[in-house]
Amino acid sequence: FTRLCCLDSDTNTNPFSDNYIDLIPNYEYKITQKLEKEYTKEELISSVKVRSLSDIEFSGSKLKDLLFRLKVFLMPYNFLSWLQYSISNKQTKLRKEK
């Protein structure tokens, strides 16, 4: 099991069909990406990098790690996802209480 795998490409700026996924053993994933005209399929495949949560190296300083986590949390997509989850979770609790 690998938590939050992320794909990056140096040659192609188009988004992947899925990103930040959890890899489960013996489960097959199909992720696509539109090719930009100036790159070939082979160039794209060789440029793809896979990172995961386990690749993060901690600095050894609690303050540095806290600032890094804050920076990641405040990225627009992460923050908006958290906000959406918080709002929908509160609405669900309100429905249950009624």
Protein backbone atom coordinates (compact mmCIF):
# COMPACT_ATOMS: atom_id res chain seq x y z
CA PHE A 1 0.00 0.00 0.00
CA THR A 2 1.33 3.42 -0.93
CA ARG A 3 -0.44 6.52 0.30
CA LEU A 4 -1.09 9.55 -1.93
CA CYS A 5 0.94 8.83 -5.04
CA CYS A 6 1.36 11.84 -7.25
CA LEU A 7 2.38 11.91 -10.90
CA ASP A 8 4.40 14.75 -12.41
CA SER A 9 5.73 15.31 -15.90
CA ASP A 10 8.42 17.75 -16.94
CA THR A 11 7.43 17.59 -20.60
CA ASN A 12 3.64 17.81 -20.48
CA THR A 13 1.62 20.36 -18.53
CA ASN A 14 -1.80 18.79 -19.15
CA PRO A 15 -3.41 17.28 -16.06
CA PHE A 16 -3.51 13.54 -15.46
CA SER A 17 -6.92 11.87 -15.37
CA ASP A 18 -6.30 11.02 -11.74
CA ASN A 19 -3.65 12.11 -9.29
CA TYR A 20 -2.94 11.78 -5.59
CA ILE A 21 -4.18 8.22 -5.44
CA ASP A 22 -3.65 5.42 -2.96
CA LEU A 23 -1.98 2.44 -4.59
CA ILE A 24 -3.40 -0.85 -3.40
CA PRO A 25 -1.44 -4.07 -4.06
CA ASN A 26 -2.75 -6.24 -6.91
CA TYR A 27 -5.08 -3.48 -8.14
CA GLU A 28 -4.60 -2.09 -11.63
CA TYR A 29 -4.84 1.65 -12.31
CA LYS A 30 -5.33 3.35 -15.64
CA ILE A 31 -4.28 7.00 -15.66
CA THR A 32 -4.36 9.03 -18.86
CA GLN A 33 -3.06 12.39 -19.98
CA LYS A 34 -3.58 14.31 -23.21
CA LEU A 35 -0.34 14.74 -25.08
CA GLU A 36 0.79 18.16 -26.12
CA LYS A 37 1.64 18.30 -29.82
CA GLU A 38 5.37 18.77 -29.42
CA TYR A 39 5.94 15.63 -27.31
CA THR A 40 5.80 11.98 -28.20
CA LYS A 41 4.31 9.25 -26.07
CA GLU A 42 7.80 7.87 -25.35
CA GLU A 43 9.08 11.27 -24.18
CA LEU A 44 6.12 11.61 -21.83
CA ILE A 45 6.59 8.14 -20.34
CA SER A 46 10.28 8.77 -19.68
CA SER A 47 9.52 12.14 -18.04
CA VAL A 48 6.85 10.93 -15.58
CA LYS A 49 7.87 10.99 -11.93
CA VAL A 50 5.96 9.21 -9.18
CA ARG A 51 6.08 10.59 -5.65
CA SER A 52 4.25 9.52 -2.54
CA LEU A 53 3.79 10.57 1.03
CA SER A 54 6.57 8.20 2.06
CA ASP A 55 9.02 10.20 -0.08
CA ILE A 56 8.76 13.26 2.18
CA GLU A 57 11.89 13.77 4.22
CA PHE A 58 11.42 15.44 7.57
CA SER A 59 13.79 18.25 8.42
CA GLY A 60 14.28 17.28 12.05
CA SER A 61 12.94 20.66 13.14
CA LYS A 62 9.35 20.72 14.40
CA LEU A 63 8.96 24.35 13.34
CA LYS A 64 10.17 23.67 9.78
CA ASP A 65 7.89 20.65 9.51
CA LEU A 66 4.95 22.67 10.83
CA LEU A 67 5.59 25.46 8.29
CA PHE A 68 5.85 22.90 5.49
CA ARG A 69 2.53 21.28 6.49
CA LEU A 70 0.94 24.73 6.68
CA LYS A 71 2.24 25.58 3.20
CA VAL A 72 0.75 22.34 1.79
CA PHE A 73 -2.55 22.90 3.61
CA LEU A 74 -2.86 26.46 2.25
CA MET A 75 -2.41 25.41 -1.38
CA PRO A 76 -5.67 26.42 -3.05
CA TYR A 77 -6.81 22.91 -3.99
CA ASN A 78 -6.01 21.46 -0.57
CA PHE A 79 -7.61 24.33 1.31
CA LEU A 80 -10.76 24.33 -0.82
CA SER A 81 -11.08 20.55 -0.46
CA TRP A 82 -10.80 20.88 3.32
CA LEU A 83 -13.36 23.70 3.31
CA GLN A 84 -15.81 21.69 1.20
CA TYR A 85 -15.40 18.65 3.44
CA SER A 86 -15.88 20.76 6.58
CA ILE A 87 -19.07 22.33 5.28
CA SER A 88 -20.55 19.07 4.00
CA ASN A 89 -19.64 17.30 7.25
CA LYS A 90 -21.44 19.99 9.31
CA GLN A 91 -24.51 19.71 7.07
CA THR A 92 -24.53 15.94 7.52
CA LYS A 93 -24.37 16.32 11.30
CA LEU A 94 -27.23 18.82 11.23
CA ARG A 95 -29.40 16.41 9.21
CA LYS A 96 -28.69 13.61 11.66
CA GLU A 97 -29.68 15.78 14.63
CA LYS A 98 -33.06 16.77 13.15
